[in-house]
Amino acid sequence: MARIEKYHTGIKSVIKHNIREFKDGKCPTNLEVDPERTKYNYNLIRRGNTASEIESYRKKITAECFHYKRKNIVMANEIICTLPEDTPPEQEHDFFKETFKYICSTLPMGERCIFLSEIHSDEGLVSKDGKIISQGQKHLHVMYVPAVPDTKHEGFKFRLCSDELTRRSVLKQWHPKYQKWLDDAGIKATVYSGKTSGKGISVKSLKEISKTTGLSLDQIQNLEKDRKELLQKLHAVETDHTQSKETIEHAKITISKLKSLLLECDHAIQALQKNEKLHLSEKEALLNTIKEKDTLLSAEKEKTQQLNTELQKSQKKIKELESTNLHSHSSVDQEHSWGTDSWGTQSDWGKNMDKENEHLW
């Protein structure tokens, strides 16, 4: 987890605390610092060996930024990032390096506006007699000048504006982006879910918890055993979550492929439907043609039947006529035979009579 502090004044005192620059080299007893562990502290960037040198660098960067000379103006910001409990020991140093890079990426001026970056390993929970009873979690302090781009004031590329860097919309996305940055770097640490507690909380927060709950420091120390058990369960859950995440990713890939296949099927179905519509149109036209032909055929059949009827009638008449004609021929033949072969036409009797009469005449 990370938190941010803003400073109007007293910046040099904060620098002294962060680099462990104490008067006479002795640590004040009111600070939760274990002098024996201070040697394990280290820095990622420092603009001088003393607080005065670092303060001079800060003032130099500040002079390059346009700002109004007001007492309420924020002159410096400090981000404190605590090492999550689930970070593998071998990745602790890389965690702080990547955290520092991420913070630089969020600042318009980049690394140049940062004047201090210290990693503390010597803080903890102190009992009334000044002994460290609970070792605090390692954490990173990054102090910087809140410089943002300036396009209004001639001669300045930047201006001081802490609000622009710490507005609600920015802070809302700060931890999710921080988590993604660590994930992309291969750092196995949880900073977005806010699951660091106990040792993972700053000393200041632990003191507030003790004051709020009424628990003694010894009681808080005993609670750490339960916390460790919970962390082990958390590791198991996160392992399952990672496996589930991989399964989900695999399922997403499969679903994507299925969606592509479904899309191809949809296109094929649309093409078939289009062809089917064309076939239906052709079919309807063909059916209409067949109906027309059937109508014509029925009419022709009716005409044919009428013609057959008339033909039958004509054939019947022809037969009747033929029968009548045959009977008439038979009668004529008989009459003709009688008139020619006897004395009616070719009789010599007539001829002789004529000759005789002619002779008489």
Protein backbone atom coordinates (compact mmCIF):
# COMPACT_ATOMS: atom_id res chain seq x y z
CA MET A 1 0.00 0.00 0.00
CA ALA A 2 1.05 3.62 -0.50
CA ARG A 3 0.15 6.89 1.15
CA ILE A 4 1.04 10.49 0.37
CA GLU A 5 2.07 13.44 2.54
CA LYS A 6 2.15 17.13 1.57
CA TYR A 7 4.50 19.74 3.01
CA HIS A 8 4.27 23.51 3.03
CA THR A 9 7.25 24.03 5.34
CA GLY A 10 9.64 21.99 7.51
CA ILE A 11 10.85 19.98 4.52
CA LYS A 12 14.46 19.94 5.66
CA SER A 13 13.48 18.28 8.97
CA VAL A 14 11.69 15.53 7.05
CA ILE A 15 14.80 15.04 4.90
CA LYS A 16 16.93 14.72 8.05
CA HIS A 17 14.60 12.06 9.43
CA ASN A 18 14.56 10.10 6.21
CA ILE A 19 18.36 10.02 5.79
CA ARG A 20 18.82 9.46 9.55
CA GLU A 21 20.77 12.67 10.03
CA PHE A 22 20.40 13.06 13.81
CA LYS A 23 21.99 15.61 16.11
CA ASP A 24 25.25 14.25 17.55
CA GLY A 25 24.57 11.09 15.54
CA LYS A 26 22.11 9.84 18.14
CA CYS A 27 18.56 8.72 17.40
CA PRO A 28 15.89 10.53 19.40
CA THR A 29 14.17 8.15 21.79
CA ASN A 30 10.70 9.24 20.61
CA LEU A 31 11.31 7.78 17.16
CA GLU A 32 10.48 4.14 16.38
CA VAL A 33 13.96 3.51 14.96
CA ASP A 34 16.30 0.64 15.76
CA PRO A 35 19.85 2.10 15.43
CA GLU A 36 21.30 -1.39 15.07
CA ARG A 37 19.31 -1.90 11.85
CA THR A 38 19.88 1.53 10.32
CA LYS A 39 22.86 0.10 8.45
CA TYR A 40 20.39 -1.90 6.34
CA ASN A 41 18.77 1.27 5.00
CA TYR A 42 19.73 2.32 1.47
CA ASN A 43 18.75 4.83 -1.19
CA LEU A 44 17.78 4.61 -4.85
CA ILE A 45 18.53 8.28 -5.55
CA ARG A 46 19.91 11.04 -3.36
CA ARG A 47 20.82 14.57 -4.40
CA GLY A 48 23.50 15.02 -1.75
CA ASN A 49 25.14 13.48 1.30
CA THR A 50 23.58 15.87 3.81
CA ALA A 51 20.14 17.30 4.37
CA SER A 52 21.45 20.76 3.43
CA GLU A 53 22.76 19.54 0.06
CA ILE A 54 19.49 17.74 -0.69
CA GLU A 55 17.51 20.83 0.34
CA SER A 56 19.62 22.96 -2.02
CA TYR A 57 18.77 20.67 -4.92
CA ARG A 58 15.07 20.88 -4.03
CA LYS A 59 15.19 24.67 -4.02
CA LYS A 60 16.98 24.66 -7.38
CA ILE A 61 14.17 22.59 -8.98
CA THR A 62 11.54 24.72 -7.26
CA ALA A 63 13.09 27.90 -8.72
CA GLU A 64 12.59 26.44 -12.21
CA CYS A 65 8.84 26.20 -11.57
CA PHE A 66 6.40 29.08 -11.61
CA HIS A 67 4.63 29.47 -8.25
CA TYR A 68 2.99 32.09 -6.15
CA LYS A 69 4.72 33.06 -2.91
CA ARG A 70 1.97 31.98 -0.58
CA LYS A 71 2.25 30.28 2.78
CA ASN A 72 -0.34 27.64 1.93
CA ILE A 73 1.33 26.45 -1.26
CA VAL A 74 2.54 22.83 -1.23
CA MET A 75 6.29 22.85 -1.84
CA ALA A 76 6.93 19.09 -1.66
CA ASN A 77 5.10 15.76 -1.76
CA GLU A 78 6.18 12.49 -0.16
CA ILE A 79 5.00 9.02 -1.15
CA ILE A 80 5.54 6.15 1.29
CA CYS A 81 5.22 2.65 -0.17
CA THR A 82 5.28 -0.33 2.20
CA LEU A 83 6.65 -3.69 1.11
CA PRO A 84 3.68 -6.11 0.91
CA GLU A 85 3.86 -9.21 3.12
CA ASP A 86 3.39 -11.53 0.14
CA THR A 87 6.50 -10.28 -1.67
CA PRO A 88 9.10 -13.08 -2.05
CA PRO A 89 12.31 -12.16 -0.17
CA GLU A 90 14.38 -12.49 -3.35
CA GLN A 91 12.20 -9.84 -5.03
CA GLU A 92 12.29 -7.19 -2.29
CA HIS A 93 14.98 -5.05 -3.93
CA ASP A 94 13.32 -5.36 -7.36
CA PHE A 95 10.00 -4.37 -5.79
CA PHE A 96 11.44 -1.06 -4.57
CA LYS A 97 13.24 -0.43 -7.87
CA GLU A 98 10.06 -0.98 -9.90
CA THR A 99 8.05 1.10 -7.42
CA PHE A 100 10.51 3.96 -7.88
CA LYS A 101 10.25 3.64 -11.69
CA TYR A 102 6.46 3.65 -11.47
CA ILE A 103 6.44 6.82 -9.34
CA CYS A 104 8.77 8.50 -11.86
CA SER A 105 6.35 7.56 -14.66
CA THR A 106 3.52 9.40 -12.87
CA LEU A 107 5.45 12.67 -12.60
CA PRO A 108 5.47 15.12 -15.56
CA MET A 109 9.07 16.13 -14.82
CA GLY A 110 10.07 12.52 -14.23
CA GLU A 111 13.02 11.55 -12.07
CA ARG A 112 14.48 15.06 -12.16
CA CYS A 113 11.94 16.48 -9.68
CA ILE A 114 12.72 13.74 -7.11
CA PHE A 115 15.20 14.88 -4.47
CA LEU A 116 15.11 11.89 -2.10
CA SER A 117 14.40 8.15 -2.30
CA GLU A 118 15.18 6.14 0.84
CA ILE A 119 14.36 2.56 1.84
CA HIS A 120 13.97 2.01 5.59
CA SER A 121 14.51 -1.32 7.31
CA ASP A 122 15.07 -0.03 10.85
CA GLU A 123 11.62 1.04 12.04
CA GLY A 124 9.31 -0.86 14.35
CA LEU A 125 7.02 -0.78 17.34
CA VAL A 126 8.73 0.52 20.47
CA SER A 127 7.75 -0.33 24.07
CA LYS A 128 7.68 2.19 26.89
CA ASP A 129 11.26 1.35 27.85
CA GLY A 130 12.44 2.14 24.29
CA LYS A 131 12.87 -1.43 23.05
CA ILE A 132 11.72 -2.60 19.62
CA ILE A 133 9.08 -5.24 20.29
CA SER A 134 7.85 -5.61 16.73
CA GLN A 135 9.94 -5.05 13.63
CA GLY A 136 8.28 -2.77 11.12
CA GLN A 137 7.84 -3.68 7.46
CA LYS A 138 10.37 -2.27 5.03
CA HIS A 139 9.14 0.79 3.16
CA LEU A 140 10.19 3.37 0.58
CA HIS A 141 10.14 7.17 1.00
CA VAL A 142 10.09 9.23 -2.22
CA MET A 143 10.09 13.04 -1.92
CA TYR A 144 9.61 15.26 -4.96
CA VAL A 145 8.77 18.76 -6.12
CA PRO A 146 5.14 18.73 -7.40
CA ALA A 147 5.95 20.16 -10.85
CA VAL A 148 3.37 20.10 -13.65
CA PRO A 149 3.56 21.51 -17.22
CA ASP A 150 3.06 25.27 -17.53
CA THR A 151 1.83 26.84 -20.78
CA LYS A 152 0.67 30.20 -19.41
CA HIS A 153 3.73 31.83 -17.86
CA GLU A 154 6.55 32.91 -20.13
CA GLY A 155 9.98 31.60 -19.21
CA PHE A 156 8.63 28.59 -17.32
CA LYS A 157 8.05 25.05 -18.55
CA PHE A 158 6.66 23.90 -15.20
CA ARG A 159 4.66 25.24 -12.29
CA LEU A 160 3.97 24.00 -8.76
CA CYS A 161 0.58 22.31 -8.37
CA SER A 162 0.30 19.44 -5.92
CA ASP A 163 -3.48 19.24 -6.38
CA GLU A 164 -3.13 18.35 -10.04
CA LEU A 165 -0.97 15.34 -9.10
CA THR A 166 -3.13 14.23 -6.17
CA ARG A 167 -6.68 14.93 -7.30
CA ARG A 168 -9.21 12.22 -6.57
CA SER A 169 -9.46 10.94 -10.15
CA VAL A 170 -5.66 10.49 -10.26
CA LEU A 171 -5.41 8.74 -6.89
CA LYS A 172 -8.31 6.46 -7.77
CA GLN A 173 -6.27 4.96 -10.61
CA TRP A 174 -2.92 5.14 -8.84
CA HIS A 175 -2.98 1.74 -7.12
CA PRO A 176 -4.57 -0.25 -10.00
CA LYS A 177 -1.89 1.09 -12.37
CA TYR A 178 0.76 0.44 -9.71
CA GLN A 179 -0.37 -3.18 -9.47
CA LYS A 180 -0.29 -3.61 -13.26
CA TRP A 181 3.21 -2.11 -13.39
CA LEU A 182 4.46 -4.67 -10.86
CA ASP A 183 2.65 -7.53 -12.62
CA ASP A 184 4.20 -6.57 -15.95
CA ALA A 185 7.64 -6.50 -14.27
CA GLY A 186 7.07 -9.99 -12.86
CA ILE A 187 6.97 -8.81 -9.23
CA LYS A 188 4.71 -11.01 -7.09
CA ALA A 189 3.40 -8.40 -4.69
CA THR A 190 -0.13 -7.27 -3.87
CA VAL A 191 -0.49 -3.49 -3.60
CA TYR A 192 -4.01 -2.94 -4.92
CA SER A 193 -6.12 -5.06 -2.55
CA GLY A 194 -4.74 -3.35 0.54
CA LYS A 195 -4.12 -6.62 2.34
CA THR A 196 -0.98 -5.55 4.21
CA SER A 197 -1.55 -5.32 7.94
CA GLY A 198 0.33 -5.61 11.20
CA LYS A 199 3.95 -5.25 10.19
CA GLY A 200 2.86 -3.96 6.81
CA ILE A 201 1.26 -0.89 8.36
CA SER A 202 3.40 2.11 9.18
CA VAL A 203 4.50 2.70 12.75
CA LYS A 204 2.31 5.80 12.87
CA SER A 205 -0.73 3.74 11.93
CA LEU A 206 0.09 1.05 14.50
CA LYS A 207 0.21 3.65 17.23
CA GLU A 208 -3.15 4.98 16.12
CA ILE A 209 -4.58 1.43 16.19
CA SER A 210 -3.24 0.93 19.71
CA LYS A 211 -4.78 4.21 20.81
CA THR A 212 -8.13 3.46 19.16
CA THR A 213 -8.50 -0.17 20.25
CA GLY A 214 -6.96 0.19 23.70
CA LEU A 215 -4.69 -2.79 23.04
CA SER A 216 -1.23 -2.75 24.53
CA LEU A 217 1.81 -3.14 22.33
CA ASP A 218 2.33 -6.63 23.76
CA GLN A 219 -1.19 -7.59 22.77
CA ILE A 220 -0.59 -6.29 19.27
CA GLN A 221 2.58 -8.35 19.13
CA ASN A 222 0.61 -11.50 20.08
CA LEU A 223 -1.87 -10.78 17.34
CA GLU A 224 0.91 -11.17 14.78
CA LYS A 225 0.77 -14.95 15.15
CA ASP A 226 -2.83 -14.94 13.99
CA ARG A 227 -1.89 -12.55 11.23
CA LYS A 228 0.78 -14.95 9.93
CA GLU A 229 -1.73 -17.78 9.81
CA LEU A 230 -4.10 -15.56 7.87
CA LEU A 231 -1.30 -14.63 5.49
CA GLN A 232 -0.60 -18.31 4.82
CA LYS A 233 -4.26 -18.80 3.99
CA LEU A 234 -4.07 -15.72 1.83
CA HIS A 235 -1.14 -17.20 -0.09
CA ALA A 236 -3.15 -20.38 -0.68
CA VAL A 237 -6.16 -18.39 -1.90
CA GLU A 238 -3.96 -16.26 -4.17
CA THR A 239 -2.38 -19.40 -5.62
CA ASP A 240 -5.83 -20.75 -6.39
CA HIS A 241 -6.76 -17.36 -7.78
CA THR A 242 -3.71 -17.42 -10.09
CA GLN A 243 -4.64 -20.88 -11.34
CA SER A 244 -8.24 -19.80 -11.79
CA LYS A 245 -7.04 -16.71 -13.63
CA GLU A 246 -5.04 -18.90 -16.03
CA THR A 247 -8.09 -21.12 -16.53
CA ILE A 248 -10.22 -18.06 -17.20
CA GLU A 249 -7.69 -16.73 -19.72
CA HIS A 250 -7.68 -20.10 -21.48
CA ALA A 251 -11.48 -20.07 -21.47
CA LYS A 252 -11.47 -16.55 -22.91
CA ILE A 253 -9.24 -17.72 -25.78
CA THR A 254 -11.56 -20.67 -26.42
CA ILE A 255 -14.62 -18.41 -26.29
CA SER A 256 -12.96 -16.01 -28.73
CA LYS A 257 -12.33 -18.87 -31.17
CA LEU A 258 -15.92 -20.06 -30.78
CA LYS A 259 -17.19 -16.55 -31.42
CA SER A 260 -15.17 -16.45 -34.65
CA LEU A 261 -16.64 -19.78 -35.71
CA LEU A 262 -20.14 -18.59 -34.85
CA LEU A 263 -19.58 -15.47 -36.91
CA GLU A 264 -18.52 -17.59 -39.87
CA CYS A 265 -21.61 -19.75 -39.39
CA ASP A 266 -23.82 -16.65 -39.27
CA HIS A 267 -22.33 -15.45 -42.56
CA ALA A 268 -22.88 -18.88 -44.12
CA ILE A 269 -26.49 -18.98 -42.87
CA GLN A 270 -27.15 -15.50 -44.22
CA ALA A 271 -25.78 -16.56 -47.61
CA LEU A 272 -27.95 -19.68 -47.60
CA GLN A 273 -30.99 -17.66 -46.60
CA LYS A 274 -30.30 -15.25 -49.41
CA ASN A 275 -29.98 -18.14 -51.89
CA GLU A 276 -33.11 -19.72 -50.44
CA LYS A 277 -35.03 -16.50 -51.05
CA LEU A 278 -33.83 -16.53 -54.65
CA HIS A 279 -34.85 -20.19 -54.99
CA LEU A 280 -38.24 -19.44 -53.48
CA SER A 281 -38.74 -16.63 -55.95
CA GLU A 282 -37.79 -18.92 -58.84
CA LYS A 283 -40.01 -21.64 -57.41
CA GLU A 284 -42.99 -19.28 -57.18
CA ALA A 285 -42.44 -18.16 -60.78
CA LEU A 286 -42.23 -21.78 -61.90
CA LEU A 287 -45.40 -22.68 -59.99
CA ASN A 288 -47.23 -19.78 -61.60
CA THR A 289 -46.07 -20.98 -65.02
CA ILE A 290 -47.23 -24.51 -64.21
CA LYS A 291 -50.63 -23.18 -63.10
CA GLU A 292 -50.96 -21.25 -66.33
CA LYS A 293 -50.01 -24.36 -68.32
CA ASP A 294 -52.49 -26.42 -66.30
CA THR A 295 -55.21 -23.89 -67.08
CA LEU A 296 -54.37 -23.99 -70.78
CA LEU A 297 -54.16 -27.78 -70.68
CA SER A 298 -57.59 -28.02 -69.04
CA ALA A 299 -59.04 -25.73 -71.70
CA GLU A 300 -57.44 -27.81 -74.43
CA LYS A 301 -58.77 -30.99 -72.86
CA GLU A 302 -62.24 -29.50 -72.81
CA LYS A 303 -61.92 -28.49 -76.46
CA THR A 304 -60.60 -31.94 -77.30
CA GLN A 305 -63.55 -33.54 -75.58
CA GLN A 306 -65.94 -31.30 -77.53
CA LEU A 307 -64.17 -32.14 -80.76
CA ASN A 308 -64.31 -35.84 -79.91
CA THR A 309 -68.01 -35.50 -79.26
CA GLU A 310 -68.53 -33.69 -82.55
CA LEU A 311 -66.30 -36.21 -84.29
CA GLN A 312 -68.35 -39.07 -82.91
CA LYS A 313 -71.51 -37.33 -84.07
CA SER A 314 -70.00 -36.77 -87.52
CA GLN A 315 -68.88 -40.38 -87.73
CA LYS A 316 -72.36 -41.48 -86.76
CA LYS A 317 -73.88 -39.27 -89.46
CA ILE A 318 -71.37 -40.58 -91.99
CA LYS A 319 -72.31 -44.13 -91.13
CA GLU A 320 -75.97 -43.26 -91.42
CA LEU A 321 -75.37 -41.59 -94.79
CA GLU A 322 -73.28 -44.47 -96.01
CA SER A 323 -76.02 -46.86 -95.00
CA THR A 324 -78.66 -44.76 -96.77
CA ASN A 325 -76.53 -44.36 -99.89
CA LEU A 326 -75.91 -48.07 -100.12
CA HIS A 327 -79.62 -48.80 -100.04
CA SER A 328 -80.28 -46.23 -102.77
CA HIS A 329 -77.68 -47.77 -105.14
CA SER A 330 -79.21 -51.17 -104.76
CA SER A 331 -82.64 -49.92 -105.98
CA VAL A 332 -81.20 -48.05 -108.95
CA ASP A 333 -79.31 -51.09 -110.12
CA GLN A 334 -82.44 -53.20 -110.19
CA GLU A 335 -84.38 -50.57 -112.18
CA HIS A 336 -81.61 -50.12 -114.67
CA SER A 337 -81.35 -53.81 -115.38
CA TRP A 338 -85.05 -54.13 -116.16
CA GLY A 339 -85.14 -51.15 -118.51
CA THR A 340 -82.18 -52.03 -120.63
CA ASP A 341 -82.27 -55.72 -120.97
CA SER A 342 -85.95 -56.00 -121.87
CA TRP A 343 -87.87 -54.22 -124.40
CA GLY A 344 -87.89 -50.69 -122.90
CA THR A 345 -84.67 -49.28 -124.43
CA GLN A 346 -82.90 -51.69 -126.58
CA SER A 347 -85.87 -53.60 -128.01
CA ASP A 348 -85.74 -54.29 -131.66
CA TRP A 349 -89.49 -54.08 -131.60
CA GLY A 350 -89.45 -50.38 -131.45
CA LYS A 351 -86.90 -49.91 -134.09
CA ASN A 352 -88.73 -52.08 -136.54
CA MET A 353 -91.90 -50.20 -135.91
CA ASP A 354 -90.26 -46.94 -136.67
CA LYS A 355 -88.77 -48.19 -139.82
CA GLU A 356 -92.08 -49.47 -140.96
CA ASN A 357 -93.82 -46.24 -140.11
CA GLU A 358 -91.09 -44.28 -141.75
CA HIS A 359 -91.55 -46.31 -144.82
CA LEU A 360 -95.24 -45.70 -144.81
CA TRP A 361 -94.65 -42.00 -144.50
